[in-house]
Amino acid sequence: MLVFLKYVTNVLLYASEIWGWHKSGVVEKAHVNFCRKVLGMGPKGATNFMYCELGIVSLSVKMKLRIFKYWFRLSRSGNCILKA
C-alpha cells in the first residue's frame, strides 16, 4: 500500500518545482483524504498521528524540498538565467 501511496504523491507533486510556491490546499486535502482511507481513519483523526503512523511528511514539506533542489540545480548549472 505504501508503494501506491508513493505513486499518488508523485502524481500530486508533478511539476511542483514551478507551481509549488502557491498554496496547495486542494492537493494537500486529496493527499490527507487518501492517507485517511488507507488507515481507515475518520475525518476527525489527528493529521500528525496519520503522518507518524505512515512514516511520511506533509506534501507542503516535500514541495518546499523539491523547490529548493530545483533552485540549487539551476544555480549550479553553467548557463543559467539566475546568474545574469
PDB file of N, CA and C in Angstrom:
ATOM      1  N   MET A   1       0.820  -1.191   0.000  1.00  0.00           N
ATOM      2  CA  MET A   1       0.000   0.000   0.000  1.00  0.00           C
ATOM      3  C   MET A   1       0.868   1.259   0.000  1.00  0.00           C
ATOM      4  N   LEU A   2       1.987   1.232   0.702  1.00  0.00           N
ATOM      5  CA  LEU A   2       2.840   2.419   0.734  1.00  0.00           C
ATOM      6  C   LEU A   2       3.478   2.689  -0.626  1.00  0.00           C
ATOM      7  N   VAL A   3       3.678   1.648  -1.430  1.00  0.00           N
ATOM      8  CA  VAL A   3       4.198   1.858  -2.778  1.00  0.00           C
ATOM      9  C   VAL A   3       3.185   2.653  -3.585  1.00  0.00           C
ATOM     10  N   PHE A   4       1.915   2.290  -3.464  1.00  0.00           N
ATOM     11  CA  PHE A   4       0.862   3.033  -4.155  1.00  0.00           C
ATOM     12  C   PHE A   4       0.790   4.469  -3.640  1.00  0.00           C
ATOM     13  N   LEU A   5       0.988   4.644  -2.344  1.00  0.00           N
ATOM     14  CA  LEU A   5       0.988   5.986  -1.755  1.00  0.00           C
ATOM     15  C   LEU A   5       2.105   6.841  -2.344  1.00  0.00           C
ATOM     16  N   LYS A   6       3.263   6.234  -2.589  1.00  0.00           N
ATOM     17  CA  LYS A   6       4.362   6.975  -3.205  1.00  0.00           C
ATOM     18  C   LYS A   6       4.016   7.380  -4.635  1.00  0.00           C
ATOM     19  N   TYR A   7       3.305   6.525  -5.357  1.00  0.00           N
ATOM     20  CA  TYR A   7       2.888   6.884  -6.715  1.00  0.00           C
ATOM     21  C   TYR A   7       1.882   8.030  -6.687  1.00  0.00           C
ATOM     22  N   VAL A   8       0.948   7.980  -5.774  1.00  0.00           N
ATOM     23  CA  VAL A   8      -0.036   9.054  -5.652  1.00  0.00           C
ATOM     24  C   VAL A   8       0.657  10.363  -5.310  1.00  0.00           C
ATOM     25  N   THR A   9       1.626  10.314  -4.411  1.00  0.00           N
ATOM     26  CA  THR A   9       2.370  11.510  -4.029  1.00  0.00           C
ATOM     27  C   THR A   9       3.101  12.095  -5.230  1.00  0.00           C
ATOM     28  N   ASN A  10       3.727  11.244  -6.036  1.00  0.00           N
ATOM     29  CA  ASN A  10       4.434  11.744  -7.212  1.00  0.00           C
ATOM     30  C   ASN A  10       3.493  12.377  -8.225  1.00  0.00           C
ATOM     31  N   VAL A  11       2.316  11.816  -8.378  1.00  0.00           N
ATOM     32  CA  VAL A  11       1.342  12.398  -9.301  1.00  0.00           C
ATOM     33  C   VAL A  11       0.851  13.742  -8.776  1.00  0.00           C
ATOM     34  N   LEU A  12       0.578  13.827  -7.486  1.00  0.00           N
ATOM     35  CA  LEU A  12       0.104  15.086  -6.908  1.00  0.00           C
ATOM     36  C   LEU A  12       1.173  16.178  -6.930  1.00  0.00           C
ATOM     37  N   LEU A  13       2.431  15.790  -6.873  1.00  0.00           N
ATOM     38  CA  LEU A  13       3.517  16.768  -6.848  1.00  0.00           C
ATOM     39  C   LEU A  13       4.134  17.014  -8.215  1.00  0.00           C
ATOM     40  N   TYR A  14       3.498  16.555  -9.271  1.00  0.00           N
ATOM     41  CA  TYR A  14       4.052  16.708 -10.611  1.00  0.00           C
ATOM     42  C   TYR A  14       4.282  18.188 -10.922  1.00  0.00           C
ATOM     43  N   ALA A  15       5.495  18.545 -11.274  1.00  0.00           N
ATOM     44  CA  ALA A  15       5.920  19.905 -11.624  1.00  0.00           C
ATOM     45  C   ALA A  15       5.721  20.895 -10.480  1.00  0.00           C
ATOM     46  N   SER A  16       5.761  20.419  -9.253  1.00  0.00           N
ATOM     47  CA  SER A  16       5.579  21.328  -8.116  1.00  0.00           C
ATOM     48  C   SER A  16       6.774  22.252  -7.922  1.00  0.00           C
ATOM     49  N   GLU A  17       7.871  21.985  -8.619  1.00  0.00           N
ATOM     50  CA  GLU A  17       9.011  22.899  -8.553  1.00  0.00           C
ATOM     51  C   GLU A  17       8.619  24.259  -9.106  1.00  0.00           C
ATOM     52  N   ILE A  18       7.669  24.275 -10.023  1.00  0.00           N
ATOM     53  CA  ILE A  18       7.239  25.505 -10.666  1.00  0.00           C
ATOM     54  C   ILE A  18       6.045  26.122  -9.931  1.00  0.00           C
ATOM     55  N   TRP A  19       5.017  25.331  -9.675  1.00  0.00           N
ATOM     56  CA  TRP A  19       3.796  25.888  -9.078  1.00  0.00           C
ATOM     57  C   TRP A  19       3.761  25.749  -7.559  1.00  0.00           C
ATOM     58  N   GLY A  20       4.789  25.188  -6.955  1.00  0.00           N
ATOM     59  CA  GLY A  20       4.784  24.887  -5.527  1.00  0.00           C
ATOM     60  C   GLY A  20       4.763  26.078  -4.588  1.00  0.00           C
ATOM     61  N   TRP A  21       5.074  27.286  -5.086  1.00  0.00           N
ATOM     62  CA  TRP A  21       5.051  28.458  -4.221  1.00  0.00           C
ATOM     63  C   TRP A  21       3.635  28.877  -3.856  1.00  0.00           C
ATOM     64  N   HIS A  22       2.671  28.465  -4.664  1.00  0.00           N
ATOM     65  CA  HIS A  22       1.280  28.802  -4.370  1.00  0.00           C
ATOM     66  C   HIS A  22       0.750  27.863  -3.302  1.00  0.00           C
ATOM     67  N   LYS A  23      -0.286  28.263  -2.645  1.00  0.00           N
ATOM     68  CA  LYS A  23      -0.885  27.403  -1.626  1.00  0.00           C
ATOM     69  C   LYS A  23      -1.436  26.145  -2.283  1.00  0.00           C
ATOM     70  N   SER A  24      -1.236  25.039  -1.623  1.00  0.00           N
ATOM     71  CA  SER A  24      -1.611  23.746  -2.198  1.00  0.00           C
ATOM     72  C   SER A  24      -2.719  23.081  -1.390  1.00  0.00           C
ATOM     73  N   GLY A  25      -3.741  23.831  -1.064  1.00  0.00           N
ATOM     74  CA  GLY A  25      -4.809  23.299  -0.224  1.00  0.00           C
ATOM     75  C   GLY A  25      -5.527  22.108  -0.826  1.00  0.00           C
ATOM     76  N   VAL A  26      -5.818  22.169  -2.111  1.00  0.00           N
ATOM     77  CA  VAL A  26      -6.551  21.082  -2.760  1.00  0.00           C
ATOM     78  C   VAL A  26      -5.692  19.822  -2.837  1.00  0.00           C
ATOM     79  N   VAL A  27      -4.430  19.997  -3.183  1.00  0.00           N
ATOM     80  CA  VAL A  27      -3.521  18.852  -3.292  1.00  0.00           C
ATOM     81  C   VAL A  27      -3.296  18.229  -1.923  1.00  0.00           C
ATOM     82  N   GLU A  28      -3.073  19.071  -0.928  1.00  0.00           N
ATOM     83  CA  GLU A  28      -2.852  18.572   0.432  1.00  0.00           C
ATOM     84  C   GLU A  28      -4.097  17.843   0.950  1.00  0.00           C
ATOM     85  N   LYS A  29      -5.270  18.383   0.653  1.00  0.00           N
ATOM     86  CA  LYS A  29      -6.512  17.758   1.103  1.00  0.00           C
ATOM     87  C   LYS A  29      -6.710  16.390   0.450  1.00  0.00           C
ATOM     88  N   ALA A  30      -6.403  16.287  -0.834  1.00  0.00           N
ATOM     89  CA  ALA A  30      -6.525  14.995  -1.521  1.00  0.00           C
ATOM     90  C   ALA A  30      -5.569  13.973  -0.920  1.00  0.00           C
ATOM     91  N   HIS A  31      -4.359  14.403  -0.601  1.00  0.00           N
ATOM     92  CA  HIS A  31      -3.376  13.504  -0.001  1.00  0.00           C
ATOM     93  C   HIS A  31      -3.813  13.048   1.393  1.00  0.00           C
ATOM     94  N   VAL A  32      -4.287  13.983   2.197  1.00  0.00           N
ATOM     95  CA  VAL A  32      -4.733  13.635   3.549  1.00  0.00           C
ATOM     96  C   VAL A  32      -5.932  12.685   3.493  1.00  0.00           C
ATOM     97  N   ASN A  33      -6.874  12.956   2.602  1.00  0.00           N
ATOM     98  CA  ASN A  33      -8.041  12.072   2.478  1.00  0.00           C
ATOM     99  C   ASN A  33      -7.631  10.670   2.046  1.00  0.00           C
ATOM    100  N   PHE A  34      -6.689  10.569   1.123  1.00  0.00           N
ATOM    101  CA  PHE A  34      -6.216   9.252   0.697  1.00  0.00           C
ATOM    102  C   PHE A  34      -5.540   8.517   1.849  1.00  0.00           C
ATOM    103  N   CYS A  35      -4.685   9.222   2.582  1.00  0.00           N
ATOM    104  CA  CYS A  35      -3.991   8.590   3.715  1.00  0.00           C
ATOM    105  C   CYS A  35      -4.974   8.141   4.787  1.00  0.00           C
ATOM    106  N   ARG A  36      -6.009   8.934   5.017  1.00  0.00           N
ATOM    107  CA  ARG A  36      -7.022   8.540   6.000  1.00  0.00           C
ATOM    108  C   ARG A  36      -7.745   7.271   5.560  1.00  0.00           C
ATOM    109  N   LYS A  37      -8.019   7.154   4.273  1.00  0.00           N
ATOM    110  CA  LYS A  37      -8.685   5.940   3.775  1.00  0.00           C
ATOM    111  C   LYS A  37      -7.775   4.725   3.895  1.00  0.00           C
ATOM    112  N   VAL A  38      -6.475   4.928   3.686  1.00  0.00           N
ATOM    113  CA  VAL A  38      -5.524   3.828   3.826  1.00  0.00           C
ATOM    114  C   VAL A  38      -5.524   3.310   5.260  1.00  0.00           C
ATOM    115  N   LEU A  39      -5.558   4.224   6.215  1.00  0.00           N
ATOM    116  CA  LEU A  39      -5.530   3.829   7.626  1.00  0.00           C
ATOM    117  C   LEU A  39      -6.906   3.495   8.185  1.00  0.00           C
ATOM    118  N   GLY A  40      -7.957   3.845   7.468  1.00  0.00           N
ATOM    119  CA  GLY A  40      -9.304   3.616   7.977  1.00  0.00           C
ATOM    120  C   GLY A  40      -9.685   4.614   9.055  1.00  0.00           C
ATOM    121  N   MET A  41      -9.109   5.809   8.988  1.00  0.00           N
ATOM    122  CA  MET A  41      -9.383   6.848   9.989  1.00  0.00           C
ATOM    123  C   MET A  41     -10.614   7.641   9.600  1.00  0.00           C
ATOM    124  N   GLY A  42     -11.247   8.211  10.587  1.00  0.00           N
ATOM    125  CA  GLY A  42     -12.353   9.116  10.353  1.00  0.00           C
ATOM    126  C   GLY A  42     -11.851  10.513  10.024  1.00  0.00           C
ATOM    127  N   PRO A  43     -12.760  11.403   9.684  1.00  0.00           N
ATOM    128  CA  PRO A  43     -12.342  12.756   9.309  1.00  0.00           C
ATOM    129  C   PRO A  43     -11.839  13.597  10.474  1.00  0.00           C
ATOM    130  N   LYS A  44     -12.087  13.174  11.696  1.00  0.00           N
ATOM    131  CA  LYS A  44     -11.679  13.965  12.854  1.00  0.00           C
ATOM    132  C   LYS A  44     -10.387  13.473  13.488  1.00  0.00           C
ATOM    133  N   GLY A  45      -9.750  12.473  12.883  1.00  0.00           N
ATOM    134  CA  GLY A  45      -8.493  11.958  13.422  1.00  0.00           C
ATOM    135  C   GLY A  45      -7.367  12.968  13.267  1.00  0.00           C
ATOM    136  N   ALA A  46      -6.387  12.888  14.132  1.00  0.00           N
ATOM    137  CA  ALA A  46      -5.269  13.833  14.112  1.00  0.00           C
ATOM    138  C   ALA A  46      -4.380  13.569  12.902  1.00  0.00           C
ATOM    139  N   THR A  47      -4.095  14.632  12.162  1.00  0.00           N
ATOM    140  CA  THR A  47      -3.281  14.509  10.957  1.00  0.00           C
ATOM    141  C   THR A  47      -1.843  14.152  11.311  1.00  0.00           C
ATOM    142  N   ASN A  48      -1.334  14.698  12.398  1.00  0.00           N
ATOM    143  CA  ASN A  48       0.036  14.378  12.810  1.00  0.00           C
ATOM    144  C   ASN A  48       0.181  12.897  13.135  1.00  0.00           C
ATOM    145  N   PHE A  49      -0.822  12.319  13.759  1.00  0.00           N
ATOM    146  CA  PHE A  49      -0.810  10.887  14.047  1.00  0.00           C
ATOM    147  C   PHE A  49      -0.785  10.093  12.754  1.00  0.00           C
ATOM    148  N   MET A  50      -1.572  10.535  11.773  1.00  0.00           N
ATOM    149  CA  MET A  50      -1.645   9.846  10.495  1.00  0.00           C
ATOM    150  C   MET A  50      -0.277   9.851   9.809  1.00  0.00           C
ATOM    151  N   TYR A  51       0.389  11.018   9.787  1.00  0.00           N
ATOM    152  CA  TYR A  51       1.706  11.106   9.168  1.00  0.00           C
ATOM    153  C   TYR A  51       2.720  10.229   9.900  1.00  0.00           C
ATOM    154  N   CYS A  52       2.655  10.224  11.211  1.00  0.00           N
ATOM    155  CA  CYS A  52       3.574   9.415  12.011  1.00  0.00           C
ATOM    156  C   CYS A  52       3.333   7.924  11.784  1.00  0.00           C
ATOM    157  N   GLU A  53       2.091   7.541  11.740  1.00  0.00           N
ATOM    158  CA  GLU A  53       1.740   6.132  11.554  1.00  0.00           C
ATOM    159  C   GLU A  53       2.209   5.614  10.194  1.00  0.00           C
ATOM    160  N   LEU A  54       2.097   6.454   9.159  1.00  0.00           N
ATOM    161  CA  LEU A  54       2.517   6.045   7.818  1.00  0.00           C
ATOM    162  C   LEU A  54       4.004   6.292   7.573  1.00  0.00           C
ATOM    163  N   GLY A  55       4.642   7.070   8.426  1.00  0.00           N
ATOM    164  CA  GLY A  55       6.058   7.363   8.257  1.00  0.00           C
ATOM    165  C   GLY A  55       6.334   8.308   7.103  1.00  0.00           C
ATOM    166  N   ILE A  56       5.435   9.263   6.884  1.00  0.00           N
ATOM    167  CA  ILE A  56       5.588  10.223   5.794  1.00  0.00           C
ATOM    168  C   ILE A  56       5.535  11.639   6.348  1.00  0.00           C
ATOM    169  N   VAL A  57       5.783  12.608   5.471  1.00  0.00           N
ATOM    170  CA  VAL A  57       5.683  14.012   5.857  1.00  0.00           C
ATOM    171  C   VAL A  57       4.615  14.676   4.998  1.00  0.00           C
ATOM    172  N   SER A  58       4.263  15.871   5.366  1.00  0.00           N
ATOM    173  CA  SER A  58       3.258  16.639   4.648  1.00  0.00           C
ATOM    174  C   SER A  58       3.731  16.939   3.226  1.00  0.00           C
ATOM    175  N   LEU A  59       2.793  17.085   2.312  1.00  0.00           N
ATOM    176  CA  LEU A  59       3.147  17.413   0.936  1.00  0.00           C
ATOM    177  C   LEU A  59       3.763  18.803   0.827  1.00  0.00           C
ATOM    178  N   SER A  60       3.376  19.711   1.706  1.00  0.00           N
ATOM    179  CA  SER A  60       3.967  21.045   1.652  1.00  0.00           C
ATOM    180  C   SER A  60       5.463  20.991   1.961  1.00  0.00           C
ATOM    181  N   VAL A  61       5.867  20.109   2.847  1.00  0.00           N
ATOM    182  CA  VAL A  61       7.289  19.934   3.147  1.00  0.00           C
ATOM    183  C   VAL A  61       8.003  19.351   1.935  1.00  0.00           C
ATOM    184  N   LYS A  62       7.391  18.359   1.304  1.00  0.00           N
ATOM    185  CA  LYS A  62       8.000  17.759   0.119  1.00  0.00           C
ATOM    186  C   LYS A  62       8.091  18.765  -1.026  1.00  0.00           C
ATOM    187  N   MET A  63       7.073  19.616  -1.164  1.00  0.00           N
ATOM    188  CA  MET A  63       7.106  20.625  -2.218  1.00  0.00           C
ATOM    189  C   MET A  63       8.244  21.613  -1.998  1.00  0.00           C
ATOM    190  N   LYS A  64       8.402  22.072  -0.781  1.00  0.00           N
ATOM    191  CA  LYS A  64       9.466  23.025  -0.488  1.00  0.00           C
ATOM    192  C   LYS A  64      10.842  22.407  -0.729  1.00  0.00           C
ATOM    193  N   LEU A  65      10.986  21.144  -0.395  1.00  0.00           N
ATOM    194  CA  LEU A  65      12.245  20.452  -0.646  1.00  0.00           C
ATOM    195  C   LEU A  65      12.511  20.334  -2.144  1.00  0.00           C
ATOM    196  N   ARG A  66      11.487  20.014  -2.925  1.00  0.00           N
ATOM    197  CA  ARG A  66      11.656  19.912  -4.376  1.00  0.00           C
ATOM    198  C   ARG A  66      11.981  21.273  -4.994  1.00  0.00           C
ATOM    199  N   ILE A  67      11.369  22.330  -4.491  1.00  0.00           N
ATOM    200  CA  ILE A  67      11.656  23.680  -4.994  1.00  0.00           C
ATOM    201  C   ILE A  67      13.114  24.032  -4.707  1.00  0.00           C
ATOM    202  N   PHE A  68      13.571  23.737  -3.490  1.00  0.00           N
ATOM    203  CA  PHE A  68      14.954  24.043  -3.134  1.00  0.00           C
ATOM    204  C   PHE A  68      15.930  23.260  -4.001  1.00  0.00           C
ATOM    205  N   LYS A  69      15.674  21.971  -4.202  1.00  0.00           N
ATOM    206  CA  LYS A  69      16.558  21.153  -5.036  1.00  0.00           C
ATOM    207  C   LYS A  69      16.591  21.668  -6.471  1.00  0.00           C
ATOM    208  N   TYR A  70      15.444  22.068  -6.994  1.00  0.00           N
ATOM    209  CA  TYR A  70      15.367  22.601  -8.350  1.00  0.00           C
ATOM    210  C   TYR A  70      16.153  23.909  -8.464  1.00  0.00           C
ATOM    211  N   TRP A  71      15.973  24.803  -7.493  1.00  0.00           N
ATOM    212  CA  TRP A  71      16.703  26.066  -7.492  1.00  0.00           C
ATOM    213  C   TRP A  71      18.211  25.812  -7.392  1.00  0.00           C
ATOM    214  N   PHE A  72      18.610  24.892  -6.545  1.00  0.00           N
ATOM    215  CA  PHE A  72      20.021  24.581  -6.380  1.00  0.00           C
ATOM    216  C   PHE A  72      20.608  24.023  -7.665  1.00  0.00           C
ATOM    217  N   ARG A  73      19.858  23.147  -8.336  1.00  0.00           N
ATOM    218  CA  ARG A  73      20.304  22.586  -9.605  1.00  0.00           C
ATOM    219  C   ARG A  73      20.455  23.684 -10.663  1.00  0.00           C
ATOM    220  N   LEU A  74      19.495  24.618 -10.702  1.00  0.00           N
ATOM    221  CA  LEU A  74      19.581  25.719 -11.653  1.00  0.00           C
ATOM    222  C   LEU A  74      20.772  26.630 -11.354  1.00  0.00           C
ATOM    223  N   SER A  75      20.991  26.906 -10.086  1.00  0.00           N
ATOM    224  CA  SER A  75      22.078  27.812  -9.737  1.00  0.00           C
ATOM    225  C   SER A  75      23.449  27.179  -9.972  1.00  0.00           C
ATOM    226  N   ARG A  76      23.524  25.869  -9.947  1.00  0.00           N
ATOM    227  CA  ARG A  76      24.805  25.183 -10.160  1.00  0.00           C
ATOM    228  C   ARG A  76      25.120  24.980 -11.643  1.00  0.00           C
ATOM    229  N   SER A  77      24.110  25.088 -12.511  1.00  0.00           N
ATOM    230  CA  SER A  77      24.348  24.882 -13.942  1.00  0.00           C
ATOM    231  C   SER A  77      25.102  26.074 -14.515  1.00  0.00           C
ATOM    232  N   GLY A  78      25.853  25.818 -15.562  1.00  0.00           N
ATOM    233  CA  GLY A  78      26.693  26.853 -16.150  1.00  0.00           C
ATOM    234  C   GLY A  78      25.918  27.936 -16.886  1.00  0.00           C
ATOM    235  N   ASN A  79      24.909  27.587 -17.634  1.00  0.00           N
ATOM    236  CA  ASN A  79      24.150  28.555 -18.411  1.00  0.00           C
ATOM    237  C   ASN A  79      22.785  28.757 -17.774  1.00  0.00           C
ATOM    238  N   CYS A  80      22.751  29.602 -16.803  1.00  0.00           N
ATOM    239  CA  CYS A  80      21.525  29.785 -16.034  1.00  0.00           C
ATOM    240  C   CYS A  80      21.102  31.251 -16.059  1.00  0.00           C
ATOM    241  N   ILE A  81      19.832  31.486 -16.141  1.00  0.00           N
ATOM    242  CA  ILE A  81      19.331  32.853 -16.122  1.00  0.00           C
ATOM    243  C   ILE A  81      19.461  33.477 -14.745  1.00  0.00           C
ATOM    244  N   LEU A  82      19.667  32.653 -13.723  1.00  0.00           N
ATOM    245  CA  LEU A  82      19.832  33.176 -12.368  1.00  0.00           C
ATOM    246  C   LEU A  82      21.169  33.899 -12.200  1.00  0.00           C
ATOM    247  N   LYS A  83      22.146  33.584 -13.027  1.00  0.00           N
ATOM    248  CA  LYS A  83      23.469  34.186 -12.906  1.00  0.00           C
ATOM    249  C   LYS A  83      23.554  35.545 -13.575  1.00  0.00           C
ATOM    250  N   ALA A  84      22.531  35.938 -14.316  1.00  0.00           N
ATOM    251  CA  ALA A  84      22.578  37.194 -15.089  1.00  0.00           C
ATOM    252  C   ALA A  84      22.538  38.410 -14.224  1.00  0.00           C
TER     253      ALA A  84
END
